[in-house]
Amino acid sequence: MQEELMIREANHEDLQAIVDIYNETIPTRMVTADLEPVTVESREKWFWEHSADARPLWVVEQTGHVCAWLSFRSFYGRPAYRHTAEIGIYISEAYRGKGIGKRLLQKAIDECPRLQIKTLLGFIFAHNEPSLRLFSHFGFEKWGHLPNVAELDGVERDLIIVGKRIV
């Protein structure tokens, strides 16, 4: 029997696991534009920018092990965009394809009214078909296409911006 997954607010002790999961995605060239692993120290400021009541950072835990996370990030950093947030979902390789992304994205959508978020955005590489399918499943639409804006190992990649109005 598979143990239940728990989604909870991240605490500072989770930062190493968050960084480890993030670094796992870098070699795939599917999820992030970072080309080299990041350090816990380099993610400290980012971690403390999150808050449970406005821009949360959640982890998914199974059997005491953090296996995924979701972050909300303010869009564009200006006051007029305060009701818009970008979300990022990162899942450890061993846990992909098990419905964790769906659970996280549904929770994010459900929490938007409490967080006073009216618009959710996702920035996804065009070749990341699993993530595009995940967001599409929840009614996100393609709102932007930035051709050849990233170069990963000599290959230029497109960035797709997906969005969903919550209210």
Protein backbone atom coordinates (compact mmCIF):
# COMPACT_ATOMS: atom_id res chain seq x y z
CA MET A 1 0.00 0.00 0.00
CA GLN A 2 1.35 3.41 -0.98
CA GLU A 3 1.61 5.82 1.91
CA GLU A 4 -0.43 9.01 1.64
CA LEU A 5 1.24 12.10 0.28
CA MET A 6 1.11 15.22 2.43
CA ILE A 7 1.29 18.74 1.02
CA ARG A 8 2.49 21.22 3.60
CA GLU A 9 4.15 24.60 3.96
CA ALA A 10 7.91 24.32 3.49
CA ASN A 11 10.17 25.08 6.40
CA HIS A 12 13.82 26.04 6.28
CA GLU A 13 14.89 22.48 7.05
CA ASP A 14 13.32 21.48 3.69
CA LEU A 15 15.58 23.79 1.68
CA GLN A 16 18.23 21.13 1.04
CA ALA A 17 15.60 18.74 -0.37
CA ILE A 18 14.08 21.56 -2.45
CA VAL A 19 17.50 22.36 -3.92
CA ASP A 20 18.24 18.67 -4.53
CA ILE A 21 14.98 18.21 -6.46
CA TYR A 22 15.62 21.39 -8.44
CA ASN A 23 19.16 20.28 -9.28
CA GLU A 24 17.80 16.90 -10.43
CA THR A 25 15.88 18.70 -13.18
CA ILE A 26 18.82 20.70 -14.57
CA PRO A 27 20.44 17.90 -16.64
CA THR A 28 17.09 17.08 -18.30
CA ARG A 29 17.05 20.52 -19.97
CA MET A 30 13.24 20.35 -19.76
CA VAL A 31 12.28 22.38 -16.71
CA THR A 32 14.74 25.14 -15.86
CA ALA A 33 17.04 27.51 -17.70
CA ASP A 34 19.76 26.97 -15.11
CA LEU A 35 22.65 25.07 -16.65
CA GLU A 36 24.64 24.24 -13.50
CA PRO A 37 23.48 23.05 -10.07
CA VAL A 38 22.49 25.69 -7.53
CA THR A 39 23.48 25.74 -3.87
CA VAL A 40 21.38 26.01 -0.76
CA GLU A 41 23.16 29.27 0.00
CA SER A 42 22.19 30.72 -3.38
CA ARG A 43 18.51 29.88 -2.71
CA GLU A 44 18.29 31.39 0.80
CA LYS A 45 16.95 34.80 -0.32
CA TRP A 46 14.46 33.11 -2.67
CA PHE A 47 13.26 30.86 0.18
CA TRP A 48 12.61 33.79 2.54
CA GLU A 49 10.68 35.69 -0.15
CA HIS A 50 7.85 33.18 0.26
CA SER A 51 5.06 33.62 2.79
CA ALA A 52 2.19 31.33 3.74
CA ASP A 53 -0.39 34.11 3.39
CA ALA A 54 0.65 35.57 0.02
CA ARG A 55 3.30 33.60 -1.93
CA PRO A 56 3.62 30.16 -0.35
CA LEU A 57 6.21 27.48 -0.90
CA TRP A 58 4.83 23.98 -0.44
CA VAL A 59 6.51 20.61 -0.28
CA VAL A 60 5.05 17.18 -0.87
CA GLU A 61 6.16 14.63 1.67
CA GLN A 62 5.82 10.86 1.60
CA THR A 63 7.17 8.66 4.38
CA GLY A 64 9.01 11.65 5.81
CA HIS A 65 10.75 12.31 2.48
CA VAL A 66 10.25 15.52 0.47
CA CYS A 67 9.57 14.41 -3.10
CA ALA A 68 8.19 17.53 -4.78
CA TRP A 69 7.52 21.21 -4.29
CA LEU A 70 5.51 24.13 -5.63
CA SER A 71 6.30 27.81 -5.33
CA PHE A 72 4.33 30.96 -5.97
CA ARG A 73 6.30 33.95 -7.21
CA SER A 74 5.12 37.50 -7.70
CA PHE A 75 4.86 38.49 -11.34
CA TYR A 76 6.96 41.40 -12.52
CA GLY A 77 7.38 42.87 -9.02
CA ARG A 78 5.13 45.89 -9.43
CA PRO A 79 2.06 46.68 -7.27
CA ALA A 80 -0.47 46.59 -10.12
CA TYR A 81 0.38 42.90 -10.63
CA ARG A 82 -0.19 41.93 -6.98
CA HIS A 83 -3.08 39.61 -7.89
CA THR A 84 -0.99 37.69 -10.44
CA ALA A 85 1.47 34.95 -9.55
CA GLU A 86 3.74 32.59 -11.40
CA ILE A 87 3.89 29.04 -10.15
CA GLY A 88 6.64 26.49 -10.50
CA ILE A 89 6.32 22.77 -9.84
CA TYR A 90 9.31 20.47 -9.36
CA ILE A 91 8.99 16.74 -8.81
CA SER A 92 11.77 14.30 -7.96
CA GLU A 93 12.42 11.91 -10.84
CA ALA A 94 11.30 8.80 -8.94
CA TYR A 95 7.90 10.41 -8.25
CA ARG A 96 7.03 11.78 -11.70
CA GLY A 97 3.98 10.44 -13.48
CA LYS A 98 2.21 9.54 -10.23
CA GLY A 99 -0.32 12.40 -10.09
CA ILE A 100 1.66 14.64 -7.73
CA GLY A 101 1.70 17.51 -10.22
CA LYS A 102 -2.08 17.34 -10.52
CA ARG A 103 -2.53 17.40 -6.76
CA LEU A 104 -0.21 20.37 -6.38
CA LEU A 105 -1.75 22.35 -9.21
CA GLN A 106 -5.29 21.70 -7.95
CA LYS A 107 -4.27 22.87 -4.46
CA ALA A 108 -2.68 26.00 -5.96
CA ILE A 109 -5.88 26.83 -7.83
CA ASP A 110 -8.02 26.13 -4.76
CA GLU A 111 -5.88 28.39 -2.56
CA CYS A 112 -5.90 31.38 -4.94
CA PRO A 113 -8.92 33.13 -3.37
CA ARG A 114 -7.29 32.96 0.08
CA LEU A 115 -4.04 34.26 -1.39
CA GLN A 116 -5.87 37.03 -3.28
CA ILE A 117 -4.55 35.71 -6.58
CA LYS A 118 -6.78 36.24 -9.60
CA THR A 119 -4.40 35.09 -12.32
CA LEU A 120 -1.94 32.18 -12.36
CA LEU A 121 0.89 31.95 -14.85
CA GLY A 122 3.28 29.21 -15.84
CA PHE A 123 6.46 29.65 -17.88
CA ILE A 124 7.17 26.34 -19.62
CA PHE A 125 9.65 25.30 -22.29
CA ALA A 126 7.79 24.36 -25.49
CA HIS A 127 9.49 20.96 -25.54
CA ASN A 128 8.28 20.16 -21.99
CA GLU A 129 5.15 18.37 -23.17
CA PRO A 130 4.32 16.73 -19.80
CA SER A 131 4.13 20.14 -18.08
CA LEU A 132 2.16 21.68 -20.94
CA ARG A 133 -0.33 18.79 -20.72
CA LEU A 134 -0.58 19.18 -16.93
CA PHE A 135 -1.42 22.87 -17.10
CA SER A 136 -3.78 22.37 -20.05
CA HIS A 137 -5.65 19.72 -18.03
CA PHE A 138 -6.54 22.46 -15.53
CA GLY A 139 -7.72 24.92 -18.17
CA PHE A 140 -4.56 26.98 -18.56
CA GLU A 141 -4.34 28.52 -22.01
CA LYS A 142 -1.37 29.58 -24.09
CA TRP A 143 -0.99 33.32 -23.54
CA GLY A 144 2.45 33.80 -25.00
CA HIS A 145 5.12 32.22 -27.14
CA LEU A 146 8.69 33.46 -26.95
CA PRO A 147 10.63 31.74 -29.76
CA ASN A 148 14.28 30.77 -29.29
CA VAL A 149 14.76 32.74 -26.07
CA ALA A 150 16.78 30.06 -24.26
CA GLU A 151 19.82 28.15 -25.39
CA LEU A 152 20.38 24.78 -23.78
CA ASP A 153 23.50 22.89 -24.86
CA GLY A 154 23.60 24.74 -28.17
CA VAL A 155 19.90 24.20 -28.92
CA GLU A 156 17.62 27.23 -28.95
CA ARG A 157 14.36 26.61 -27.13
CA ASP A 158 10.98 28.36 -27.07
CA LEU A 159 9.24 29.46 -23.90
CA ILE A 160 5.48 29.16 -23.61
CA ILE A 161 3.54 31.32 -21.16
CA VAL A 162 0.33 29.71 -19.96
CA GLY A 163 -2.28 31.48 -17.90
CA LYS A 164 -5.56 30.97 -16.11
CA ARG A 165 -7.98 33.46 -14.60
CA ILE A 166 -9.18 32.18 -11.25
CA VAL A 167 -12.03 34.63 -10.63
